[in-house]
PDB file of N, CA and C in Angstrom:
ATOM      1  N   UNK A   1      11.283 -18.223   0.027  1.00  0.00           N
ATOM      2  CA  UNK A   1      10.867 -17.105   0.879  1.00  0.00           C
ATOM      3  C   UNK A   1      10.532 -15.908  -0.001  1.00  0.00           C
ATOM      4  N   UNK A   2       9.726 -15.036   0.524  1.00  0.00           N
ATOM      5  CA  UNK A   2       9.281 -13.875  -0.228  1.00  0.00           C
ATOM      6  C   UNK A   2       9.839 -12.615   0.399  1.00  0.00           C
ATOM      7  N   UNK A   3      10.283 -11.722  -0.436  1.00  0.00           N
ATOM      8  CA  UNK A   3      10.703 -10.396   0.022  1.00  0.00           C
ATOM      9  C   UNK A   3       9.866  -9.361  -0.705  1.00  0.00           C
ATOM     10  N   UNK A   4       9.347  -8.414   0.045  1.00  0.00           N
ATOM     11  CA  UNK A   4       8.587  -7.314  -0.534  1.00  0.00           C
ATOM     12  C   UNK A   4       9.406  -6.045  -0.406  1.00  0.00           C
ATOM     13  N   UNK A   5       9.586  -5.368  -1.520  1.00  0.00           N
ATOM     14  CA  UNK A   5      10.366  -4.138  -1.549  1.00  0.00           C
ATOM     15  C   UNK A   5       9.437  -2.979  -1.858  1.00  0.00           C
ATOM     16  N   UNK A   6       9.401  -2.042  -0.950  1.00  0.00           N
ATOM     17  CA  UNK A   6       8.508  -0.896  -1.062  1.00  0.00           C
ATOM     18  C   UNK A   6       9.296   0.312  -1.546  1.00  0.00           C
ATOM     19  N   UNK A   7       8.680   1.071  -2.409  1.00  0.00           N
ATOM     20  CA  UNK A   7       9.333   2.281  -2.892  1.00  0.00           C
ATOM     21  C   UNK A   7       9.417   3.318  -1.774  1.00  0.00           C
ATOM     22  N   UNK A   8      10.318   4.251  -1.953  1.00  0.00           N
ATOM     23  CA  UNK A   8      10.490   5.307  -0.958  1.00  0.00           C
ATOM     24  C   UNK A   8       9.297   6.242  -0.995  1.00  0.00           C
ATOM     25  N   UNK A   9       8.785   6.578   0.195  1.00  0.00           N
ATOM     26  CA  UNK A   9       7.674   7.524   0.274  1.00  0.00           C
ATOM     27  C   UNK A   9       8.175   8.939   0.096  1.00  0.00           C
ATOM     28  N   UNK A  10       7.984   9.750   1.126  1.00  0.00           N
ATOM     29  CA  UNK A  10       8.519  11.098   1.052  1.00  0.00           C
ATOM     30  C   UNK A  10       7.576  12.134   1.603  1.00  0.00           C
ATOM     31  N   UNK A  11       7.949  13.368   1.305  1.00  0.00           N
ATOM     32  CA  UNK A  11       7.178  14.512   1.781  1.00  0.00           C
ATOM     33  C   UNK A  11       6.416  15.115   0.614  1.00  0.00           C
ATOM     34  N   UNK A  12       5.186  15.497   0.860  1.00  0.00           N
ATOM     35  CA  UNK A  12       4.371  16.115  -0.181  1.00  0.00           C
ATOM     36  C   UNK A  12       3.471  17.165   0.465  1.00  0.00           C
ATOM     37  N   UNK A  13       3.194  18.192  -0.264  1.00  0.00           N
ATOM     38  CA  UNK A  13       2.310  19.248   0.241  1.00  0.00           C
ATOM     39  C   UNK A  13       0.852  18.803   0.195  1.00  0.00           C
ATOM     40  N   UNK A  14       0.035  19.327   1.066  1.00  0.00           N
ATOM     41  CA  UNK A  14      -1.400  18.990   1.020  1.00  0.00           C
ATOM     42  C   UNK A  14      -1.970  19.237  -0.369  1.00  0.00           C
ATOM     43  N   UNK A  15      -2.780  18.289  -0.797  1.00  0.00           N
ATOM     44  CA  UNK A  15      -3.368  18.368  -2.125  1.00  0.00           C
ATOM     45  C   UNK A  15      -2.548  17.712  -3.207  1.00  0.00           C
ATOM     46  N   UNK A  16      -1.331  17.357  -2.884  1.00  0.00           N
ATOM     47  CA  UNK A  16      -0.446  16.780  -3.877  1.00  0.00           C
ATOM     48  C   UNK A  16      -0.619  15.281  -4.015  1.00  0.00           C
ATOM     49  N   UNK A  17       0.046  14.708  -5.038  1.00  0.00           N
ATOM     50  CA  UNK A  17      -0.015  13.269  -5.275  1.00  0.00           C
ATOM     51  C   UNK A  17       1.286  12.570  -4.870  1.00  0.00           C
ATOM     52  N   UNK A  18       1.158  11.272  -4.685  1.00  0.00           N
ATOM     53  CA  UNK A  18       2.325  10.436  -4.427  1.00  0.00           C
ATOM     54  C   UNK A  18       1.936   9.011  -4.792  1.00  0.00           C
ATOM     55  N   UNK A  19       2.866   8.286  -5.370  1.00  0.00           N
ATOM     56  CA  UNK A  19       2.589   6.895  -5.707  1.00  0.00           C
ATOM     57  C   UNK A  19       3.586   5.987  -5.024  1.00  0.00           C
ATOM     58  N   UNK A  20       3.076   4.950  -4.402  1.00  0.00           N
ATOM     59  CA  UNK A  20       3.897   3.924  -3.783  1.00  0.00           C
ATOM     60  C   UNK A  20       3.804   2.644  -4.600  1.00  0.00           C
ATOM     61  N   UNK A  21       4.868   1.875  -4.548  1.00  0.00           N
ATOM     62  CA  UNK A  21       4.845   0.562  -5.177  1.00  0.00           C
ATOM     63  C   UNK A  21       5.427  -0.461  -4.216  1.00  0.00           C
ATOM     64  N   UNK A  22       5.053  -1.692  -4.421  1.00  0.00           N
ATOM     65  CA  UNK A  22       5.534  -2.791  -3.585  1.00  0.00           C
ATOM     66  C   UNK A  22       5.688  -4.004  -4.480  1.00  0.00           C
ATOM     67  N   UNK A  23       6.903  -4.499  -4.591  1.00  0.00           N
ATOM     68  CA  UNK A  23       7.194  -5.610  -5.490  1.00  0.00           C
ATOM     69  C   UNK A  23       7.679  -6.815  -4.717  1.00  0.00           C
ATOM     70  N   UNK A  24       7.201  -7.979  -5.111  1.00  0.00           N
ATOM     71  CA  UNK A  24       7.587  -9.226  -4.458  1.00  0.00           C
ATOM     72  C   UNK A  24       8.648  -9.941  -5.278  1.00  0.00           C
ATOM     73  N   UNK A  25       9.573 -10.548  -4.583  1.00  0.00           N
ATOM     74  CA  UNK A  25      10.572 -11.380  -5.239  1.00  0.00           C
ATOM     75  C   UNK A  25      10.727 -12.665  -4.439  1.00  0.00           C
ATOM     76  N   UNK A  26      11.193 -13.693  -5.118  1.00  0.00           N
ATOM     77  CA  UNK A  26      11.480 -14.943  -4.439  1.00  0.00           C
ATOM     78  C   UNK A  26      10.396 -15.985  -4.568  1.00  0.00           C
ATOM     79  N   UNK A  27       9.199 -15.568  -4.928  1.00  0.00           N
ATOM     80  CA  UNK A  27       8.107 -16.531  -5.089  1.00  0.00           C
ATOM     81  C   UNK A  27       7.185 -15.995  -6.167  1.00  0.00           C
ATOM     82  N   UNK A  28       7.033 -16.734  -7.213  1.00  0.00           N
ATOM     83  CA  UNK A  28       6.289 -16.195  -8.352  1.00  0.00           C
ATOM     84  C   UNK A  28       4.902 -16.793  -8.489  1.00  0.00           C
ATOM     85  N   UNK A  29       4.463 -17.577  -7.529  1.00  0.00           N
ATOM     86  CA  UNK A  29       3.107 -18.111  -7.605  1.00  0.00           C
ATOM     87  C   UNK A  29       2.102 -16.984  -7.429  1.00  0.00           C
ATOM     88  N   UNK A  30       0.886 -17.265  -7.802  1.00  0.00           N
ATOM     89  CA  UNK A  30      -0.127 -16.220  -7.777  1.00  0.00           C
ATOM     90  C   UNK A  30      -0.361 -15.710  -6.366  1.00  0.00           C
ATOM     91  N   UNK A  31      -0.700 -14.464  -6.293  1.00  0.00           N
ATOM     92  CA  UNK A  31      -0.945 -13.797  -5.019  1.00  0.00           C
ATOM     93  C   UNK A  31      -2.445 -13.569  -4.899  1.00  0.00           C
ATOM     94  N   UNK A  32      -3.023 -14.008  -3.808  1.00  0.00           N
ATOM     95  CA  UNK A  32      -4.455 -13.835  -3.639  1.00  0.00           C
ATOM     96  C   UNK A  32      -4.843 -12.387  -3.409  1.00  0.00           C
ATOM     97  N   UNK A  33      -4.230 -11.781  -2.437  1.00  0.00           N
ATOM     98  CA  UNK A  33      -4.619 -10.417  -2.065  1.00  0.00           C
ATOM     99  C   UNK A  33      -3.382  -9.565  -1.855  1.00  0.00           C
ATOM    100  N   UNK A  34      -3.488  -8.334  -2.290  1.00  0.00           N
ATOM    101  CA  UNK A  34      -2.448  -7.337  -2.057  1.00  0.00           C
ATOM    102  C   UNK A  34      -3.087  -6.190  -1.290  1.00  0.00           C
ATOM    103  N   UNK A  35      -2.458  -5.789  -0.230  1.00  0.00           N
ATOM    104  CA  UNK A  35      -3.052  -4.775   0.642  1.00  0.00           C
ATOM    105  C   UNK A  35      -2.042  -3.695   1.013  1.00  0.00           C
ATOM    106  N   UNK A  36      -2.557  -2.527   1.265  1.00  0.00           N
ATOM    107  CA  UNK A  36      -1.777  -1.429   1.834  1.00  0.00           C
ATOM    108  C   UNK A  36      -2.358  -1.073   3.192  1.00  0.00           C
ATOM    109  N   UNK A  37      -1.483  -0.984   4.173  1.00  0.00           N
ATOM    110  CA  UNK A  37      -1.836  -0.538   5.512  1.00  0.00           C
ATOM    111  C   UNK A  37      -1.060   0.739   5.814  1.00  0.00           C
ATOM    112  N   UNK A  38      -1.468   1.409   6.857  1.00  0.00           N
ATOM    113  CA  UNK A  38      -0.691   2.545   7.341  1.00  0.00           C
ATOM    114  C   UNK A  38      -0.827   2.633   8.860  1.00  0.00           C
ATOM    115  N   UNK A  39       0.182   3.254   9.445  1.00  0.00           N
ATOM    116  CA  UNK A  39       0.171   3.451  10.884  1.00  0.00           C
ATOM    117  C   UNK A  39       0.693   4.841  11.194  1.00  0.00           C
ATOM    118  N   UNK A  40      -0.173   5.648  11.766  1.00  0.00           N
ATOM    119  CA  UNK A  40       0.205   6.995  12.175  1.00  0.00           C
ATOM    120  C   UNK A  40       0.712   6.946  13.614  1.00  0.00           C
ATOM    121  N   UNK A  41       1.504   7.926  14.011  1.00  0.00           N
ATOM    122  CA  UNK A  41       2.029   7.941  15.387  1.00  0.00           C
ATOM    123  C   UNK A  41       0.908   7.866  16.416  1.00  0.00           C
ATOM    124  N   UNK A  42       1.066   6.941  17.340  1.00  0.00           N
ATOM    125  CA  UNK A  42       0.089   6.804  18.416  1.00  0.00           C
ATOM    126  C   UNK A  42      -1.203   6.113  18.029  1.00  0.00           C
ATOM    127  N   UNK A  43      -1.268   5.606  16.807  1.00  0.00           N
ATOM    128  CA  UNK A  43      -2.490   4.944  16.344  1.00  0.00           C
ATOM    129  C   UNK A  43      -2.192   3.515  15.920  1.00  0.00           C
ATOM    130  N   UNK A  44      -3.260   2.735  15.836  1.00  0.00           N
ATOM    131  CA  UNK A  44      -3.114   1.359  15.380  1.00  0.00           C
ATOM    132  C   UNK A  44      -2.956   1.311  13.862  1.00  0.00           C
ATOM    133  N   UNK A  45      -2.349   0.254  13.409  1.00  0.00           N
ATOM    134  CA  UNK A  45      -2.226   0.052  11.975  1.00  0.00           C
ATOM    135  C   UNK A  45      -3.618  -0.166  11.391  1.00  0.00           C
ATOM    136  N   UNK A  46      -3.878   0.479  10.271  1.00  0.00           N
ATOM    137  CA  UNK A  46      -5.181   0.359   9.650  1.00  0.00           C
ATOM    138  C   UNK A  46      -5.045  -0.052   8.189  1.00  0.00           C
ATOM    139  N   UNK A  47      -6.035  -0.774   7.719  1.00  0.00           N
ATOM    140  CA  UNK A  47      -6.080  -1.175   6.322  1.00  0.00           C
ATOM    141  C   UNK A  47      -6.555   0.007   5.487  1.00  0.00           C
ATOM    142  N   UNK A  48      -5.779   0.336   4.478  1.00  0.00           N
ATOM    143  CA  UNK A  48      -6.091   1.479   3.619  1.00  0.00           C
ATOM    144  C   UNK A  48      -6.792   1.035   2.345  1.00  0.00           C
ATOM    145  N   UNK A  49      -6.219   0.021   1.708  1.00  0.00           N
ATOM    146  CA  UNK A  49      -6.777  -0.439   0.440  1.00  0.00           C
ATOM    147  C   UNK A  49      -6.344  -1.876   0.191  1.00  0.00           C
ATOM    148  N   UNK A  50      -7.168  -2.588  -0.541  1.00  0.00           N
ATOM    149  CA  UNK A  50      -6.832  -3.966  -0.892  1.00  0.00           C
ATOM    150  C   UNK A  50      -7.366  -4.277  -2.277  1.00  0.00           C
ATOM    151  N   UNK A  51      -6.705  -5.216  -2.915  1.00  0.00           N
ATOM    152  CA  UNK A  51      -7.184  -5.700  -4.201  1.00  0.00           C
ATOM    153  C   UNK A  51      -7.031  -7.209  -4.207  1.00  0.00           C
ATOM    154  N   UNK A  52      -8.150  -7.878  -4.519  1.00  0.00           N
ATOM    155  CA  UNK A  52      -8.150  -9.337  -4.511  1.00  0.00           C
ATOM    156  C   UNK A  52      -9.202  -9.827  -5.491  1.00  0.00           C
ATOM    157  N   UNK A  53      -8.829 -10.784  -6.301  1.00  0.00           N
ATOM    158  CA  UNK A  53      -9.759 -11.408  -7.243  1.00  0.00           C
ATOM    159  C   UNK A  53     -10.475 -10.351  -8.072  1.00  0.00           C
ATOM    160  N   UNK A  54      -9.715  -9.358  -8.501  1.00  0.00           N
ATOM    161  CA  UNK A  54     -10.251  -8.338  -9.393  1.00  0.00           C
ATOM    162  C   UNK A  54     -11.070  -7.260  -8.734  1.00  0.00           C
ATOM    163  N   UNK A  55     -11.120  -7.264  -7.433  1.00  0.00           N
ATOM    164  CA  UNK A  55     -11.951  -6.283  -6.733  1.00  0.00           C
ATOM    165  C   UNK A  55     -11.113  -5.455  -5.780  1.00  0.00           C
ATOM    166  N   UNK A  56     -11.321  -4.150  -5.829  1.00  0.00           N
ATOM    167  CA  UNK A  56     -10.608  -3.237  -4.951  1.00  0.00           C
ATOM    168  C   UNK A  56     -11.535  -2.719  -3.858  1.00  0.00           C
ATOM    169  N   UNK A  57     -10.971  -2.554  -2.684  1.00  0.00           N
ATOM    170  CA  UNK A  57     -11.717  -1.996  -1.560  1.00  0.00           C
ATOM    171  C   UNK A  57     -10.870  -0.945  -0.862  1.00  0.00           C
ATOM    172  N   UNK A  58     -11.534   0.048  -0.316  1.00  0.00           N
ATOM    173  CA  UNK A  58     -10.839   1.173   0.297  1.00  0.00           C
ATOM    174  C   UNK A  58     -11.436   1.522   1.647  1.00  0.00           C
ATOM    175  N   UNK A  59     -10.585   2.048   2.506  1.00  0.00           N
ATOM    176  CA  UNK A  59     -11.089   2.642   3.741  1.00  0.00           C
ATOM    177  C   UNK A  59     -11.873   3.899   3.377  1.00  0.00           C
ATOM    178  N   UNK A  60     -12.866   4.180   4.186  1.00  0.00           N
ATOM    179  CA  UNK A  60     -13.696   5.337   3.896  1.00  0.00           C
ATOM    180  C   UNK A  60     -12.924   6.637   3.841  1.00  0.00           C
ATOM    181  N   UNK A  61     -11.859   6.722   4.629  1.00  0.00           N
ATOM    182  CA  UNK A  61     -11.095   7.960   4.712  1.00  0.00           C
ATOM    183  C   UNK A  61     -10.293   8.255   3.447  1.00  0.00           C
ATOM    184  N   UNK A  62     -10.106   7.246   2.597  1.00  0.00           N
ATOM    185  CA  UNK A  62      -9.307   7.454   1.382  1.00  0.00           C
ATOM    186  C   UNK A  62     -10.110   7.210   0.115  1.00  0.00           C
ATOM    187  N   UNK A  63     -11.335   6.750   0.266  1.00  0.00           N
ATOM    188  CA  UNK A  63     -12.182   6.464  -0.897  1.00  0.00           C
ATOM    189  C   UNK A  63     -12.277   7.698  -1.789  1.00  0.00           C
ATOM    190  N   UNK A  64     -12.042   7.497  -3.075  1.00  0.00           N
ATOM    191  CA  UNK A  64     -12.115   8.602  -4.028  1.00  0.00           C
ATOM    192  C   UNK A  64     -10.818   9.372  -4.189  1.00  0.00           C
ATOM    193  N   UNK A  65      -9.869   9.137  -3.315  1.00  0.00           N
ATOM    194  CA  UNK A  65      -8.573   9.837  -3.402  1.00  0.00           C
ATOM    195  C   UNK A  65      -7.427   8.883  -3.704  1.00  0.00           C
ATOM    196  N   UNK A  66      -7.524   7.659  -3.217  1.00  0.00           N
ATOM    197  CA  UNK A  66      -6.474   6.671  -3.420  1.00  0.00           C
ATOM    198  C   UNK A  66      -6.960   5.627  -4.418  1.00  0.00           C
ATOM    199  N   UNK A  67      -6.004   5.102  -5.191  1.00  0.00           N
ATOM    200  CA  UNK A  67      -6.306   4.036  -6.137  1.00  0.00           C
ATOM    201  C   UNK A  67      -5.268   2.943  -6.008  1.00  0.00           C
ATOM    202  N   UNK A  68      -5.741   1.732  -5.777  1.00  0.00           N
ATOM    203  CA  UNK A  68      -4.838   0.588  -5.711  1.00  0.00           C
ATOM    204  C   UNK A  68      -4.918  -0.163  -7.030  1.00  0.00           C
ATOM    205  N   UNK A  69      -3.778  -0.609  -7.496  1.00  0.00           N
ATOM    206  CA  UNK A  69      -3.748  -1.397  -8.725  1.00  0.00           C
ATOM    207  C   UNK A  69      -2.631  -2.426  -8.605  1.00  0.00           C
ATOM    208  N   UNK A  70      -2.722  -3.462  -9.413  1.00  0.00           N
ATOM    209  CA  UNK A  70      -1.722  -4.521  -9.345  1.00  0.00           C
ATOM    210  C   UNK A  70      -1.286  -4.915 -10.743  1.00  0.00           C
ATOM    211  N   UNK A  71      -0.049  -5.313 -10.832  1.00  0.00           N
ATOM    212  CA  UNK A  71       0.527  -5.842 -12.068  1.00  0.00           C
ATOM    213  C   UNK A  71       0.967  -7.254 -11.745  1.00  0.00           C
ATOM    214  N   UNK A  72       0.150  -8.220 -12.118  1.00  0.00           N
ATOM    215  CA  UNK A  72       0.443  -9.598 -11.757  1.00  0.00           C
ATOM    216  C   UNK A  72       1.725 -10.104 -12.407  1.00  0.00           C
ATOM    217  N   UNK A  73       2.002  -9.636 -13.591  1.00  0.00           N
ATOM    218  CA  UNK A  73       3.219 -10.088 -14.288  1.00  0.00           C
ATOM    219  C   UNK A  73       4.475  -9.656 -13.543  1.00  0.00           C
ATOM    220  N   UNK A  74       4.372  -8.542 -12.833  1.00  0.00           N
ATOM    221  CA  UNK A  74       5.526  -8.021 -12.091  1.00  0.00           C
ATOM    222  C   UNK A  74       5.411  -8.279 -10.591  1.00  0.00           C
ATOM    223  N   UNK A  75       4.350  -8.977 -10.173  1.00  0.00           N
ATOM    224  CA  UNK A  75       4.135  -9.216  -8.739  1.00  0.00           C
ATOM    225  C   UNK A  75       4.232  -7.917  -7.951  1.00  0.00           C
ATOM    226  N   UNK A  76       3.584  -6.906  -8.479  1.00  0.00           N
ATOM    227  CA  UNK A  76       3.699  -5.562  -7.912  1.00  0.00           C
ATOM    228  C   UNK A  76       2.323  -4.962  -7.670  1.00  0.00           C
ATOM    229  N   UNK A  77       2.222  -4.245  -6.570  1.00  0.00           N
ATOM    230  CA  UNK A  77       1.009  -3.495  -6.283  1.00  0.00           C
ATOM    231  C   UNK A  77       1.389  -2.021  -6.140  1.00  0.00           C
ATOM    232  N   UNK A  78       0.486  -1.167  -6.587  1.00  0.00           N
ATOM    233  CA  UNK A  78       0.709   0.273  -6.534  1.00  0.00           C
ATOM    234  C   UNK A  78      -0.386   0.921  -5.688  1.00  0.00           C
ATOM    235  N   UNK A  79      -0.025   2.032  -5.102  1.00  0.00           N
ATOM    236  CA  UNK A  79      -1.015   2.854  -4.414  1.00  0.00           C
ATOM    237  C   UNK A  79      -0.829   4.284  -4.894  1.00  0.00           C
ATOM    238  N   UNK A  80      -1.758   4.737  -5.718  1.00  0.00           N
ATOM    239  CA  UNK A  80      -1.740   6.105  -6.183  1.00  0.00           C
ATOM    240  C   UNK A  80      -2.537   6.936  -5.197  1.00  0.00           C
ATOM    241  N   UNK A  81      -1.873   7.905  -4.596  1.00  0.00           N
ATOM    242  CA  UNK A  81      -2.515   8.735  -3.586  1.00  0.00           C
ATOM    243  C   UNK A  81      -2.627  10.156  -4.125  1.00  0.00           C
ATOM    244  N   UNK A  82      -3.835  10.622  -4.251  1.00  0.00           N
ATOM    245  CA  UNK A  82      -4.101  11.970  -4.740  1.00  0.00           C
ATOM    246  C   UNK A  82      -4.798  12.786  -3.659  1.00  0.00           C
ATOM    247  N   UNK A  83      -4.763  14.091  -3.840  1.00  0.00           N
ATOM    248  CA  UNK A  83      -5.421  15.001  -2.881  1.00  0.00           C
ATOM    249  C   UNK A  83      -5.038  14.662  -1.447  1.00  0.00           C
ATOM    250  N   UNK A  84      -3.759  14.509  -1.247  1.00  0.00           N
ATOM    251  CA  UNK A  84      -3.283  14.090   0.071  1.00  0.00           C
ATOM    252  C   UNK A  84      -3.585  15.142   1.132  1.00  0.00           C
ATOM    253  N   UNK A  85      -3.841  14.640   2.327  1.00  0.00           N
ATOM    254  CA  UNK A  85      -4.168  15.482   3.463  1.00  0.00           C
ATOM    255  C   UNK A  85      -3.146  15.250   4.581  1.00  0.00           C
ATOM    256  N   UNK A  86      -2.991  16.207   5.469  1.00  0.00           N
ATOM    257  CA  UNK A  86      -2.053  15.989   6.576  1.00  0.00           C
ATOM    258  C   UNK A  86      -2.376  14.724   7.376  1.00  0.00           C
ATOM    259  N   UNK A  87      -3.638  14.373   7.468  1.00  0.00           N
ATOM    260  CA  UNK A  87      -4.008  13.177   8.223  1.00  0.00           C
ATOM    261  C   UNK A  87      -3.635  11.880   7.503  1.00  0.00           C
ATOM    262  N   UNK A  88      -3.146  11.978   6.291  1.00  0.00           N
ATOM    263  CA  UNK A  88      -2.631  10.801   5.597  1.00  0.00           C
ATOM    264  C   UNK A  88      -1.181  10.504   5.998  1.00  0.00           C
ATOM    265  N   UNK A  89      -0.599  11.386   6.767  1.00  0.00           N
ATOM    266  CA  UNK A  89       0.772  11.170   7.226  1.00  0.00           C
ATOM    267  C   UNK A  89       0.847   9.905   8.075  1.00  0.00           C
ATOM    268  N   UNK A  90       1.728   9.009   7.683  1.00  0.00           N
ATOM    269  CA  UNK A  90       1.843   7.716   8.357  1.00  0.00           C
ATOM    270  C   UNK A  90       2.984   6.931   7.729  1.00  0.00           C
ATOM    271  N   UNK A  91       3.289   5.824   8.366  1.00  0.00           N
ATOM    272  CA  UNK A  91       4.166   4.835   7.740  1.00  0.00           C
ATOM    273  C   UNK A  91       3.259   3.859   6.998  1.00  0.00           C
ATOM    274  N   UNK A  92       3.548   3.652   5.737  1.00  0.00           N
ATOM    275  CA  UNK A  92       2.737   2.784   4.892  1.00  0.00           C
ATOM    276  C   UNK A  92       3.430   1.439   4.686  1.00  0.00           C
ATOM    277  N   UNK A  93       2.637   0.380   4.769  1.00  0.00           N
ATOM    278  CA  UNK A  93       3.137  -0.985   4.620  1.00  0.00           C
ATOM    279  C   UNK A  93       2.319  -1.723   3.561  1.00  0.00           C
ATOM    280  N   UNK A  94       2.976  -2.615   2.844  1.00  0.00           N
ATOM    281  CA  UNK A  94       2.238  -3.493   1.947  1.00  0.00           C
ATOM    282  C   UNK A  94       2.225  -4.904   2.535  1.00  0.00           C
ATOM    283  N   UNK A  95       1.233  -5.642   2.126  1.00  0.00           N
ATOM    284  CA  UNK A  95       1.064  -7.017   2.599  1.00  0.00           C
ATOM    285  C   UNK A  95       0.533  -7.858   1.461  1.00  0.00           C
ATOM    286  N   UNK A  96       1.157  -8.990   1.238  1.00  0.00           N
ATOM    287  CA  UNK A  96       0.702  -9.924   0.216  1.00  0.00           C
ATOM    288  C   UNK A  96       0.262 -11.221   0.900  1.00  0.00           C
ATOM    289  N   UNK A  97      -0.876 -11.717   0.462  1.00  0.00           N
ATOM    290  CA  UNK A  97      -1.360 -12.990   0.997  1.00  0.00           C
ATOM    291  C   UNK A  97      -1.429 -13.999  -0.137  1.00  0.00           C
ATOM    292  N   UNK A  98      -0.819 -15.163   0.105  1.00  0.00           N
ATOM    293  CA  UNK A  98      -0.744 -16.199  -0.916  1.00  0.00           C
ATOM    294  C   UNK A  98      -1.765 -17.297  -0.649  1.00  0.00           C
ATOM    295  N   UNK A  99      -2.059 -18.101  -1.656  1.00  0.00           N
ATOM    296  CA  UNK A  99      -2.916 -19.266  -1.427  1.00  0.00           C
ATOM    297  C   UNK A  99      -2.345 -20.122  -0.305  1.00  0.00           C
ATOM    298  N   UNK A 100      -3.200 -20.602   0.553  1.00  0.00           N
ATOM    299  CA  UNK A 100      -2.744 -21.371   1.701  1.00  0.00           C
ATOM    300  C   UNK A 100      -2.639 -20.535   2.950  1.00  0.00           C
ATOM    301  N   UNK A 101      -2.711 -19.211   2.783  1.00  0.00           N
ATOM    302  CA  UNK A 101      -2.757 -18.330   3.935  1.00  0.00           C
ATOM    303  C   UNK A 101      -1.464 -17.658   4.330  1.00  0.00           C
ATOM    304  N   UNK A 102      -0.362 -18.010   3.698  1.00  0.00           N
ATOM    305  CA  UNK A 102       0.891 -17.359   4.082  1.00  0.00           C
ATOM    306  C   UNK A 102       0.834 -15.882   3.704  1.00  0.00           C
ATOM    307  N   UNK A 103       1.425 -15.066   4.550  1.00  0.00           N
ATOM    308  CA  UNK A 103       1.330 -13.616   4.404  1.00  0.00           C
ATOM    309  C   UNK A 103       2.693 -13.001   4.634  1.00  0.00           C
ATOM    310  N   UNK A 104       3.009 -11.984   3.845  1.00  0.00           N
ATOM    311  CA  UNK A 104       4.304 -11.337   3.958  1.00  0.00           C
ATOM    312  C   UNK A 104       4.126  -9.824   3.964  1.00  0.00           C
ATOM    313  N   UNK A 105       5.027  -9.167   4.708  1.00  0.00           N
ATOM    314  CA  UNK A 105       4.981  -7.719   4.843  1.00  0.00           C
ATOM    315  C   UNK A 105       6.212  -7.076   4.219  1.00  0.00           C
ATOM    316  N   UNK A 106       5.995  -5.921   3.628  1.00  0.00           N
ATOM    317  CA  UNK A 106       7.107  -5.108   3.180  1.00  0.00           C
ATOM    318  C   UNK A 106       7.565  -4.203   4.312  1.00  0.00           C
ATOM    319  N   UNK A 107       8.727  -3.594   4.107  1.00  0.00           N
ATOM    320  CA  UNK A 107       9.196  -2.642   5.112  1.00  0.00           C
ATOM    321  C   UNK A 107       8.341  -1.386   5.026  1.00  0.00           C
ATOM    322  N   UNK A 108       8.177  -0.696   6.061  1.00  0.00           N
ATOM    323  CA  UNK A 108       7.372   0.512   6.049  1.00  0.00           C
ATOM    324  C   UNK A 108       8.070   1.643   5.327  1.00  0.00           C
ATOM    325  N   UNK A 109       7.280   2.538   4.791  1.00  0.00           N
ATOM    326  CA  UNK A 109       7.825   3.724   4.145  1.00  0.00           C
ATOM    327  C   UNK A 109       7.051   4.942   4.647  1.00  0.00           C
ATOM    328  N   UNK A 110       7.786   5.965   5.002  1.00  0.00           N
ATOM    329  CA  UNK A 110       7.172   7.142   5.604  1.00  0.00           C
ATOM    330  C   UNK A 110       6.586   8.055   4.531  1.00  0.00           C
ATOM    331  N   UNK A 111       5.350   8.456   4.746  1.00  0.00           N
ATOM    332  CA  UNK A 111       4.707   9.464   3.906  1.00  0.00           C
ATOM    333  C   UNK A 111       4.319  10.616   4.824  1.00  0.00           C
ATOM    334  N   UNK A 112       4.802  11.792   4.495  1.00  0.00           N
ATOM    335  CA  UNK A 112       4.524  12.975   5.295  1.00  0.00           C
ATOM    336  C   UNK A 112       3.835  14.022   4.424  1.00  0.00           C
ATOM    337  N   UNK A 113       2.687  14.481   4.880  1.00  0.00           N
ATOM    338  CA  UNK A 113       1.925  15.487   4.148  1.00  0.00           C
ATOM    339  C   UNK A 113       1.860  16.743   5.018  1.00  0.00           C
ATOM    340  N   UNK A 114       2.538  17.775   4.572  1.00  0.00           N
ATOM    341  CA  UNK A 114       2.537  19.020   5.330  1.00  0.00           C
ATOM    342  C   UNK A 114       2.959  20.159   4.435  1.00  0.00           C
ATOM    343  N   UNK A 115       2.632  21.348   4.876  1.00  0.00           N
ATOM    344  CA  UNK A 115       3.024  22.521   4.118  1.00  0.00           C
ATOM    345  C   UNK A 115       4.277  23.142   4.725  1.00  0.00           C
TER     346      UNK A 115
END
């Protein structure tokens, strides 16, 4: 079984940076895709960023401000968030998809952007 452990989010002022990490344990086989989602109050969960087969993709709302990266040796994905805005406030989740289609979620972590 796979467990994903997400770093603690937190509070940050508008314009500030924050980095999240998500590490997998329990299964060391290669991971096809690593993704970050977020869910704001009253809204549906949305895909923020993904990295798969060497290619990163971003939601338009975070393009140019967020950077996703992965460390395959550590089974870890990072989300560097810069120039944060109040509308980035949400619970952030990571998701790993393995060959064969199995998918696992990390626990959510709250990110709050306010002055």
